[in-house]
């Protein structure tokens, strides 16, 4: 996922010149999401999937990377850009108007050795700024400057949370602030003030060349301070409409289904009608689609915000191709799979900086000693990005009969129902699938052989085509054909 801090900061260069900026983290692997159905499945089958996926990728050497970038704007008196109030944290500036300029790269190359000490105790705060980066009058940012510090004092047991190892600065701290709850530093001297005689006047004032850092002296013209929000804060719908217009048709269909799913669990008709009225102000098509899913009429007489025709392709996840590093590929085998063929496929996957995970009937190693990472019992389609089905027709065993997912027909099935379920779910979620020519799994799962993203080929040679399909993240055409 992308990181976007929403707030506007001020950059100051060595000549005292300023610009306004919004910071972004751009994932090198692109922006990808679970489908709504996957999100429901993963919540029960593997609720720690994202955390474990991140840790496994780092452990495997497929280090996740994000590019730090900034949108840069002139620091004008009104602090507006192309009609957009830069101090309004509910507004984004289209990247087509102000491109994100790359500044650096963040690489996660190690997992915490102590999760509590290194993760739970970390103290983020928007006021922790390097020289040359300053805050603006963004009202939400101003509130956070207080609330984050206040939160850390309460959460981490006092004002000395900056001395916890994960929060310590790399540079030495030379100030006169000491004592307080949970003090762990060992200070020199007895006088935490100056001028003093007890410590011989120490610490001394720095030399003339070492000037203290001061905030940028921002000019303030004639103005009135009032307890009001800017007019743009009353615009609640234009950017939601921009987002909706910028989505592809398949993304809109997912959005319609997500709204209908959540509102469908609301049993107060008046609340659902009120939300439909909000959606109608965004886009009539959105309100109509969600209303159809709820079986409700869209309230009439509500005008959507004006459609200025602007879109932002940067807001869409569909249409690009992305690196494959860190993706997880399931290699599904049965008791008759050729261990050498399995090893060759896993090697090809690993060569592309992806993680091969062998899914077998049990957790016993393959005959050549290669370990099995998942079993038919423990595997679920949501944790994999693509599948290679080496198994021809794995018959259901006693464990399949005992697995509730297999259903009542498990004894009579020709293919283990858990494997066909794995394939059917992956097909429904439009993931890339590679089947060996002799495999009966696709037929058992009701998969259309020539559907987009479905390959029937030699499992080793077919991996290259599989990898090319994975670059788009999903076979998006299958969603449209299903609709």
Protein backbone atom coordinates (compact mmCIF):
# COMPACT_ATOMS: atom_id res chain seq x y z
CA UNK A 1 0.00 0.00 0.00
CA UNK A 2 0.98 3.61 -0.45
CA UNK A 3 1.76 5.93 2.42
CA UNK A 4 0.29 9.41 2.21
CA UNK A 5 0.53 11.69 5.22
CA UNK A 6 -2.29 14.02 3.99
CA UNK A 7 -0.68 17.06 5.67
CA UNK A 8 1.24 19.87 4.00
CA UNK A 9 4.70 20.72 5.32
CA UNK A 10 7.10 23.55 4.51
CA UNK A 11 10.62 22.99 3.17
CA UNK A 12 13.24 25.69 3.82
CA UNK A 13 16.54 25.74 1.92
CA UNK A 14 19.85 27.30 2.96
CA UNK A 15 18.90 30.66 1.41
CA UNK A 16 15.68 30.88 3.39
CA UNK A 17 13.48 30.10 0.39
CA UNK A 18 10.41 28.00 1.05
CA UNK A 19 8.13 25.57 -0.73
CA UNK A 20 5.10 23.61 0.44
CA UNK A 21 5.17 19.83 0.10
CA UNK A 22 3.07 16.71 0.59
CA UNK A 23 5.07 13.54 1.28
CA UNK A 24 4.31 10.15 -0.30
CA UNK A 25 5.59 6.60 0.07
CA UNK A 26 5.35 4.73 -3.23
CA UNK A 27 5.74 0.93 -3.02
CA UNK A 28 8.15 -0.40 -5.63
CA UNK A 29 5.91 -3.45 -6.08
CA UNK A 30 2.83 -1.35 -6.84
CA UNK A 31 -0.46 -0.94 -5.01
CA UNK A 32 -2.54 -4.10 -4.62
CA UNK A 33 -5.60 -5.05 -2.61
CA UNK A 34 -7.57 -8.05 -1.53
CA UNK A 35 -10.92 -8.55 -3.20
CA UNK A 36 -13.91 -8.19 -0.90
CA UNK A 37 -14.43 -11.95 -0.86
CA UNK A 38 -10.76 -12.54 -0.03
CA UNK A 39 -10.96 -10.08 2.85
CA UNK A 40 -13.88 -12.03 4.34
CA UNK A 41 -12.04 -15.34 3.97
CA UNK A 42 -8.73 -14.15 5.35
CA UNK A 43 -10.34 -12.64 8.44
CA UNK A 44 -11.24 -16.14 9.58
CA UNK A 45 -8.65 -18.37 7.95
CA UNK A 46 -5.51 -16.29 8.54
CA UNK A 47 -6.10 -12.93 10.29
CA UNK A 48 -2.35 -12.32 10.65
CA UNK A 49 -1.72 -12.82 6.93
CA UNK A 50 -0.41 -9.33 6.18
CA UNK A 51 1.94 -9.21 9.14
CA UNK A 52 3.24 -12.71 8.42
CA UNK A 53 3.55 -12.00 4.70
CA UNK A 54 5.74 -8.98 5.46
CA UNK A 55 7.91 -10.92 7.89
CA UNK A 56 8.24 -13.90 5.52
CA UNK A 57 9.25 -11.66 2.61
CA UNK A 58 11.98 -10.03 4.70
CA UNK A 59 13.17 -13.40 5.97
CA UNK A 60 13.32 -14.72 2.39
CA UNK A 61 15.45 -11.75 1.25
CA UNK A 62 12.67 -10.20 -0.88
CA UNK A 63 13.03 -6.91 0.95
CA UNK A 64 10.00 -4.59 0.54
CA UNK A 65 10.92 -1.13 -0.71
CA UNK A 66 9.14 2.21 -0.84
CA UNK A 67 10.23 5.34 -2.67
CA UNK A 68 9.91 8.50 -0.61
CA UNK A 69 8.66 11.34 -2.78
CA UNK A 70 7.11 14.75 -2.47
CA UNK A 71 4.67 16.92 -4.36
CA UNK A 72 6.13 20.43 -4.35
CA UNK A 73 4.04 23.61 -4.49
CA UNK A 74 4.83 27.33 -4.42
CA UNK A 75 4.56 28.83 -0.92
CA UNK A 76 2.03 31.53 -1.80
CA UNK A 77 0.21 33.84 0.57
CA UNK A 78 -3.10 32.01 0.15
CA UNK A 79 -1.41 28.56 0.22
CA UNK A 80 -3.59 27.37 -2.65
CA UNK A 81 -2.63 25.32 -5.71
CA UNK A 82 -4.84 25.00 -8.80
CA UNK A 83 -7.85 25.99 -6.71
CA UNK A 84 -7.06 23.41 -4.00
CA UNK A 85 -6.55 24.53 -0.39
CA UNK A 86 -3.21 22.96 0.59
CA UNK A 87 -4.05 23.29 4.29
CA UNK A 88 -7.19 21.17 3.92
CA UNK A 89 -6.16 17.63 4.94
CA UNK A 90 -9.25 16.14 3.26
CA UNK A 91 -8.03 17.17 -0.20
CA UNK A 92 -5.39 15.56 -2.37
CA UNK A 93 -3.68 17.13 -5.36
CA UNK A 94 -3.82 14.99 -8.50
CA UNK A 95 -0.39 13.62 -9.36
CA UNK A 96 -1.04 14.67 -12.93
CA UNK A 97 -1.03 18.29 -11.71
CA UNK A 98 1.91 17.95 -9.32
CA UNK A 99 4.06 14.85 -9.95
CA UNK A 100 5.61 13.07 -7.00
CA UNK A 101 9.34 13.80 -7.09
CA UNK A 102 11.49 10.92 -5.75
CA UNK A 103 13.70 11.80 -2.79
CA UNK A 104 14.96 8.50 -1.41
CA UNK A 105 14.21 4.85 -0.75
CA UNK A 106 13.15 2.92 2.35
CA UNK A 107 14.12 -0.76 2.47
CA UNK A 108 12.88 -3.11 5.18
CA UNK A 109 15.81 -5.51 5.44
CA UNK A 110 15.33 -7.00 8.89
CA UNK A 111 12.59 -8.23 11.20
CA UNK A 112 12.35 -7.07 14.83
CA UNK A 113 14.13 -9.34 17.27
CA UNK A 114 11.81 -8.22 20.06
CA UNK A 115 8.42 -7.11 18.76
CA UNK A 116 7.37 -5.32 21.92
CA UNK A 117 10.62 -3.42 22.41
CA UNK A 118 11.10 -2.45 18.78
CA UNK A 119 7.55 -2.08 17.46
CA UNK A 120 5.05 -1.61 20.28
CA UNK A 121 7.21 1.02 22.01
CA UNK A 122 8.07 3.13 18.96
CA UNK A 123 6.89 6.72 19.38
CA UNK A 124 5.99 8.50 16.15
CA UNK A 125 5.17 12.18 16.27
CA UNK A 126 4.69 14.69 13.40
CA UNK A 127 6.86 17.19 15.29
CA UNK A 128 9.95 14.95 14.98
CA UNK A 129 11.35 16.89 12.03
CA UNK A 130 14.77 17.27 10.48
CA UNK A 131 16.16 20.80 10.02
CA UNK A 132 14.64 22.35 6.91
CA UNK A 133 11.25 20.67 7.32
CA UNK A 134 8.61 22.66 9.19
CA UNK A 135 4.91 22.44 9.94
CA UNK A 136 2.23 24.64 8.44
CA UNK A 137 -1.06 25.98 9.78
CA UNK A 138 -2.91 22.87 8.66
CA UNK A 139 -5.43 22.67 11.55
CA UNK A 140 -5.40 18.89 11.81
CA UNK A 141 -1.59 18.87 11.85
CA UNK A 142 -1.59 21.51 14.59
CA UNK A 143 -3.86 19.31 16.68
CA UNK A 144 -1.64 16.30 16.15
CA UNK A 145 1.44 18.19 17.30
CA UNK A 146 -0.19 18.25 20.71
CA UNK A 147 -2.08 14.99 20.76
CA UNK A 148 0.74 12.69 19.59
CA UNK A 149 3.13 13.98 22.27
CA UNK A 150 0.43 13.75 24.91
CA UNK A 151 -0.35 10.20 23.81
CA UNK A 152 3.28 9.07 24.04
CA UNK A 153 3.60 10.50 27.55
CA UNK A 154 0.56 8.48 28.64
CA UNK A 155 1.27 5.33 26.61
CA UNK A 156 4.97 4.99 27.39
CA UNK A 157 4.99 6.06 31.00
CA UNK A 158 6.19 9.65 31.13
CA UNK A 159 8.19 12.32 29.34
CA UNK A 160 11.37 10.25 28.94
CA UNK A 161 10.03 7.93 26.22
CA UNK A 162 12.76 9.33 23.95
CA UNK A 163 15.32 7.36 26.00
CA UNK A 164 13.77 3.99 25.10
CA UNK A 165 16.33 2.38 22.73
CA UNK A 166 14.03 2.31 19.68
CA UNK A 167 13.30 6.03 20.12
CA UNK A 168 16.80 7.32 20.87
CA UNK A 169 18.34 9.67 18.29
CA UNK A 170 21.62 8.61 16.74
CA UNK A 171 23.14 12.00 17.59
CA UNK A 172 23.93 12.87 21.22
CA UNK A 173 21.39 14.99 23.07
CA UNK A 174 22.81 17.95 24.96
CA UNK A 175 20.10 19.76 26.85
CA UNK A 176 19.24 20.51 30.45
CA UNK A 177 16.10 18.43 30.63
CA UNK A 178 16.44 15.68 33.22
CA UNK A 179 14.59 13.76 35.93
CA UNK A 180 10.91 12.90 35.51
CA UNK A 181 9.28 9.47 35.40
CA UNK A 182 11.32 6.55 34.01
CA UNK A 183 14.54 8.52 33.79
CA UNK A 184 17.32 6.19 32.61
CA UNK A 185 20.05 8.58 31.44
CA UNK A 186 23.15 9.22 33.54
CA UNK A 187 23.79 12.97 33.42
CA UNK A 188 27.06 14.73 34.25
CA UNK A 189 27.02 17.68 36.59
CA UNK A 190 24.67 18.74 39.34
CA UNK A 191 23.16 21.92 37.92
CA UNK A 192 20.47 21.51 35.24
CA UNK A 193 20.41 25.22 34.61
CA UNK A 194 22.61 28.11 33.58
CA UNK A 195 24.21 30.39 34.51
CA UNK A 196 25.49 28.39 37.44
CA UNK A 197 28.51 28.25 39.73
CA UNK A 198 28.19 24.65 40.94
CA UNK A 199 29.34 23.22 37.60
CA UNK A 200 31.79 25.98 36.82
CA UNK A 201 29.41 27.61 34.38
CA UNK A 202 29.03 24.48 32.25
CA UNK A 203 27.61 23.97 29.80
CA UNK A 204 29.06 26.92 27.93
CA UNK A 205 27.32 28.74 25.13
CA UNK A 206 28.22 27.45 21.67
CA UNK A 207 30.47 29.47 19.39
CA UNK A 208 29.20 32.22 17.13
CA UNK A 209 29.35 29.93 14.11
CA UNK A 210 27.01 27.35 15.67
CA UNK A 211 23.69 29.13 15.42
CA UNK A 212 20.56 27.71 16.93
CA UNK A 213 17.92 26.42 14.56
CA UNK A 214 14.93 28.75 14.40
CA UNK A 215 11.60 28.34 12.66
CA UNK A 216 11.12 30.05 9.34
CA UNK A 217 9.93 33.62 10.02
CA UNK A 218 6.74 33.40 7.98
CA UNK A 219 5.33 36.84 7.10
CA UNK A 220 1.76 37.39 8.28
CA UNK A 221 -0.23 40.05 6.45
CA UNK A 222 -3.33 41.86 7.65
CA UNK A 223 -5.83 39.22 8.72
CA UNK A 224 -8.57 38.37 11.18
CA UNK A 225 -8.42 35.28 13.40
CA UNK A 226 -11.88 33.73 13.58
CA UNK A 227 -13.24 30.40 14.79
CA UNK A 228 -14.23 29.16 11.34
CA UNK A 229 -13.11 26.61 8.80
CA UNK A 230 -12.12 27.58 5.26
CA UNK A 231 -14.82 27.24 2.63
CA UNK A 232 -13.13 24.17 1.08
CA UNK A 233 -13.77 22.24 4.30
CA UNK A 234 -17.49 22.22 3.36
CA UNK A 235 -16.73 20.41 0.10
CA UNK A 236 -17.28 16.78 1.07
CA UNK A 237 -17.96 15.22 -2.32
CA UNK A 238 -15.81 16.56 -5.17
CA UNK A 239 -12.77 14.45 -4.36
CA UNK A 240 -14.83 11.33 -3.73
CA UNK A 241 -16.32 11.92 -7.20
CA UNK A 242 -12.83 12.34 -8.67
CA UNK A 243 -11.79 9.04 -7.09
CA UNK A 244 -14.85 7.22 -8.45
CA UNK A 245 -14.39 8.60 -11.97
CA UNK A 246 -10.73 7.57 -11.92
CA UNK A 247 -11.48 3.89 -11.26
CA UNK A 248 -11.74 1.31 -14.01
CA UNK A 249 -15.02 -0.52 -14.54
CA UNK A 250 -13.87 -3.59 -12.61
CA UNK A 251 -12.80 -1.46 -9.64
CA UNK A 252 -16.17 0.29 -9.62
CA UNK A 253 -17.91 -3.08 -9.53
CA UNK A 254 -15.87 -4.05 -6.48
CA UNK A 255 -16.75 -0.73 -4.84
CA UNK A 256 -20.46 -1.27 -5.52
CA UNK A 257 -20.33 -4.74 -3.99
CA UNK A 258 -18.39 -3.53 -0.94
CA UNK A 259 -20.93 -0.78 -0.22
CA UNK A 260 -23.89 -3.11 -0.74
CA UNK A 261 -22.29 -5.72 1.53
CA UNK A 262 -21.70 -3.35 4.44
CA UNK A 263 -24.97 -1.44 4.13
CA UNK A 264 -26.80 -4.72 3.72
CA UNK A 265 -25.87 -5.56 7.32
CA UNK A 266 -27.54 -2.36 8.52
CA UNK A 267 -31.14 -3.07 9.53
CA UNK A 268 -32.38 0.53 9.73
CA UNK A 269 -33.83 1.45 6.37
CA UNK A 270 -33.60 5.17 7.13
CA UNK A 271 -29.83 4.89 7.63
CA UNK A 272 -29.39 3.04 4.34
CA UNK A 273 -31.47 5.66 2.54
CA UNK A 274 -29.42 8.42 4.13
CA UNK A 275 -26.20 6.80 2.92
CA UNK A 276 -27.64 6.36 -0.57
CA UNK A 277 -28.33 10.09 -0.57
CA UNK A 278 -24.65 10.71 0.21
CA UNK A 279 -23.60 8.38 -2.61
CA UNK A 280 -25.97 10.18 -4.99
CA UNK A 281 -24.08 13.41 -4.32
CA UNK A 282 -20.88 11.65 -5.41
CA UNK A 283 -22.13 9.95 -8.58
CA UNK A 284 -25.55 8.81 -9.68
CA UNK A 285 -24.13 5.55 -11.10
CA UNK A 286 -22.63 4.65 -7.73
CA UNK A 287 -25.88 5.32 -5.88
CA UNK A 288 -27.94 3.39 -8.44
CA UNK A 289 -25.67 0.31 -8.31
CA UNK A 290 -25.59 0.21 -4.51
CA UNK A 291 -29.32 0.86 -4.31
CA UNK A 292 -29.97 -2.06 -6.66
CA UNK A 293 -27.88 -4.29 -4.41
CA UNK A 294 -29.93 -3.19 -1.39
CA UNK A 295 -33.28 -3.33 -3.16
CA UNK A 296 -33.90 0.35 -2.45
CA UNK A 297 -34.77 3.30 -4.63
CA UNK A 298 -32.23 6.10 -4.73
CA UNK A 299 -33.64 9.30 -3.15
CA UNK A 300 -34.71 11.73 -5.85
CA UNK A 301 -33.98 15.41 -6.23
CA UNK A 302 -30.32 15.09 -5.22
CA UNK A 303 -27.78 16.51 -7.62
CA UNK A 304 -24.30 15.02 -7.83
CA UNK A 305 -21.30 17.31 -7.80
CA UNK A 306 -20.48 18.77 -11.18
CA UNK A 307 -18.54 16.38 -13.42
CA UNK A 308 -15.61 18.42 -14.70
CA UNK A 309 -14.30 15.43 -16.64
CA UNK A 310 -11.08 15.26 -14.64
CA UNK A 311 -9.67 11.89 -13.68
CA UNK A 312 -6.47 10.74 -12.02
CA UNK A 313 -5.14 7.44 -13.41
CA UNK A 314 -2.70 7.36 -10.48
CA UNK A 315 -5.66 6.48 -8.22
CA UNK A 316 -6.36 3.23 -10.09
CA UNK A 317 -4.69 -0.11 -9.39
CA UNK A 318 -5.50 -1.62 -12.79
CA UNK A 319 -3.51 -1.35 -16.00
CA UNK A 320 0.09 -1.42 -14.85
CA UNK A 321 2.70 -4.14 -14.53
CA UNK A 322 4.77 -4.54 -11.41
CA UNK A 323 7.85 -6.42 -10.15
CA UNK A 324 7.22 -9.90 -8.81
CA UNK A 325 9.59 -9.77 -5.83
CA UNK A 326 8.12 -11.31 -2.71
CA UNK A 327 5.06 -12.85 -4.37
CA UNK A 328 4.05 -16.26 -3.05
CA UNK A 329 3.38 -19.05 -5.53
CA UNK A 330 1.65 -22.26 -4.45
CA UNK A 331 3.03 -25.45 -5.99
CA UNK A 332 0.25 -28.00 -5.41
CA UNK A 333 1.43 -31.63 -5.50
CA UNK A 334 0.05 -35.06 -4.73
CA UNK A 335 1.72 -38.30 -3.61
CA UNK A 336 2.76 -39.09 -7.19
CA UNK A 337 4.41 -35.79 -8.08
CA UNK A 338 7.95 -35.95 -9.51
CA UNK A 339 10.23 -34.45 -6.82
CA UNK A 340 12.77 -33.32 -9.44
CA UNK A 341 10.07 -31.48 -11.37
CA UNK A 342 8.89 -29.83 -8.14
CA UNK A 343 12.46 -28.72 -7.38
CA UNK A 344 12.88 -27.29 -10.89
CA UNK A 345 9.67 -25.27 -10.61
CA UNK A 346 10.57 -23.98 -7.14
CA UNK A 347 14.00 -22.96 -8.44
CA UNK A 348 12.45 -20.94 -11.27
CA UNK A 349 10.15 -19.20 -8.83
CA UNK A 350 13.00 -18.42 -6.44
CA UNK A 351 15.15 -17.07 -9.31
CA UNK A 352 12.53 -14.33 -9.79
CA UNK A 353 12.81 -13.33 -6.09
CA UNK A 354 9.48 -14.96 -5.32
CA UNK A 355 8.64 -17.46 -2.60
CA UNK A 356 7.57 -20.99 -3.66
CA UNK A 357 5.34 -22.78 -1.16
CA UNK A 358 4.70 -26.49 -1.64
CA UNK A 359 1.14 -27.61 -0.84
CA UNK A 360 0.88 -31.37 -0.31
CA UNK A 361 -1.59 -33.89 1.16
CA UNK A 362 0.39 -33.98 4.42
CA UNK A 363 3.32 -32.16 5.97
CA UNK A 364 5.76 -35.01 5.32
CA UNK A 365 8.82 -34.03 3.19
CA UNK A 366 8.89 -35.06 -0.46
CA UNK A 367 10.89 -38.21 -1.33
CA UNK A 368 13.94 -36.07 -2.15
CA UNK A 369 13.77 -34.44 1.28
CA UNK A 370 12.28 -31.15 0.09
CA UNK A 371 10.14 -29.66 2.89
CA UNK A 372 6.41 -29.04 2.55
CA UNK A 373 5.18 -25.62 3.69
CA UNK A 374 1.39 -26.10 3.51
CA UNK A 375 -1.02 -29.02 3.45
CA UNK A 376 -4.42 -29.48 1.86
CA UNK A 377 -5.83 -28.89 5.36
CA UNK A 378 -3.94 -25.67 6.15
CA UNK A 379 -3.74 -23.96 2.75
CA UNK A 380 -6.25 -21.34 1.67
CA UNK A 381 -6.18 -19.54 -1.64
CA UNK A 382 -6.05 -16.02 -0.19
CA UNK A 383 -2.40 -16.24 0.86
CA UNK A 384 -1.07 -17.06 -2.63
CA UNK A 385 -0.56 -14.82 -5.65
CA UNK A 386 -0.54 -17.63 -8.25
CA UNK A 387 -0.77 -21.43 -8.47
CA UNK A 388 1.03 -24.27 -10.20
CA UNK A 389 -1.06 -27.46 -10.03
CA UNK A 390 1.23 -30.45 -10.51
CA UNK A 391 -1.24 -32.84 -8.93
CA UNK A 392 -3.10 -34.90 -11.55
CA UNK A 393 -6.18 -36.00 -9.61
CA UNK A 394 -5.38 -36.24 -5.88
CA UNK A 395 -8.03 -38.57 -4.43
CA UNK A 396 -9.75 -37.61 -1.19
CA UNK A 397 -8.32 -39.40 1.81
CA UNK A 398 -9.59 -39.84 5.34
CA UNK A 399 -8.43 -36.33 6.27
CA UNK A 400 -10.55 -34.86 3.47
CA UNK A 401 -13.63 -36.60 4.84
CA UNK A 402 -12.91 -35.09 8.25
CA UNK A 403 -12.41 -31.58 6.84
CA UNK A 404 -15.71 -29.66 6.89
CA UNK A 405 -14.68 -27.73 3.78
CA UNK A 406 -14.82 -30.96 1.77
CA UNK A 407 -18.61 -31.21 2.11
CA UNK A 408 -20.84 -34.26 2.09
CA UNK A 409 -19.69 -35.43 -1.37
CA UNK A 410 -16.05 -35.90 -0.38
CA UNK A 411 -16.21 -39.70 -0.33
CA UNK A 412 -17.52 -39.87 -3.88
CA UNK A 413 -15.30 -37.16 -5.34
CA UNK A 414 -12.62 -38.08 -7.86
CA UNK A 415 -10.44 -35.12 -6.81
CA UNK A 416 -9.80 -34.09 -3.22
CA UNK A 417 -12.48 -31.41 -2.70
CA UNK A 418 -10.04 -29.24 -0.77
CA UNK A 419 -7.79 -29.00 -3.82
CA UNK A 420 -10.68 -28.23 -6.16
CA UNK A 421 -11.89 -25.61 -3.65
CA UNK A 422 -8.39 -24.08 -3.63
CA UNK A 423 -8.47 -23.84 -7.43
CA UNK A 424 -12.05 -22.59 -7.57
CA UNK A 425 -11.36 -19.79 -5.07
CA UNK A 426 -8.20 -18.71 -6.88
CA UNK A 427 -10.10 -18.71 -10.17
CA UNK A 428 -12.92 -16.67 -8.65
CA UNK A 429 -10.38 -14.13 -7.39
CA UNK A 430 -8.81 -13.91 -10.86
CA UNK A 431 -5.34 -15.18 -9.98
CA UNK A 432 -3.02 -16.74 -12.53
CA UNK A 433 -3.29 -20.56 -12.67
CA UNK A 434 -1.03 -23.13 -14.32
CA UNK A 435 -2.29 -26.71 -14.72
CA UNK A 436 -0.35 -29.74 -15.89
CA UNK A 437 -1.95 -31.21 -19.05
CA UNK A 438 -2.96 -34.40 -17.26
CA UNK A 439 -4.52 -32.58 -14.28
CA UNK A 440 -8.23 -33.09 -13.62
CA UNK A 441 -8.37 -30.32 -11.03
CA UNK A 442 -9.54 -27.57 -13.40
CA UNK A 443 -12.52 -29.65 -14.52
CA UNK A 444 -13.39 -30.57 -10.94
CA UNK A 445 -13.27 -26.89 -9.94
CA UNK A 446 -15.49 -25.78 -12.84
CA UNK A 447 -12.72 -23.69 -14.41
CA UNK A 448 -13.02 -22.63 -18.05
CA UNK A 449 -9.80 -23.97 -19.66
CA UNK A 450 -9.24 -21.06 -22.07
CA UNK A 451 -10.26 -18.28 -19.65
CA UNK A 452 -7.89 -15.32 -19.24
CA UNK A 453 -5.10 -16.14 -16.82
CA UNK A 454 -5.54 -19.93 -17.08
CA UNK A 455 -2.65 -21.91 -18.56
CA UNK A 456 -2.52 -25.60 -19.43
CA UNK A 457 1.05 -26.51 -20.27
CA UNK A 458 4.16 -28.33 -19.14
CA UNK A 459 4.51 -27.11 -15.54
CA UNK A 460 8.18 -26.18 -15.86
CA UNK A 461 8.00 -24.47 -19.26
CA UNK A 462 4.68 -22.81 -18.46
CA UNK A 463 6.12 -20.85 -15.53
CA UNK A 464 7.37 -18.04 -17.80
CA UNK A 465 3.85 -17.38 -19.07
CA UNK A 466 2.60 -17.58 -15.50
CA UNK A 467 5.12 -14.96 -14.40
CA UNK A 468 4.10 -12.60 -17.20
CA UNK A 469 0.47 -12.85 -16.08
CA UNK A 470 1.41 -12.18 -12.47
CA UNK A 471 2.97 -8.83 -13.38
CA UNK A 472 -0.57 -7.40 -13.77
CA UNK A 473 -1.41 -8.82 -10.31
CA UNK A 474 -4.69 -10.38 -11.48
CA UNK A 475 -6.40 -11.48 -14.67
CA UNK A 476 -8.79 -8.54 -14.43
CA UNK A 477 -10.73 -9.63 -17.55
CA UNK A 478 -12.22 -12.54 -15.59
CA UNK A 479 -14.00 -10.14 -13.24
CA UNK A 480 -15.67 -8.42 -16.18
CA UNK A 481 -16.68 -11.67 -17.85
CA UNK A 482 -18.13 -12.90 -14.56
CA UNK A 483 -20.19 -9.69 -14.28
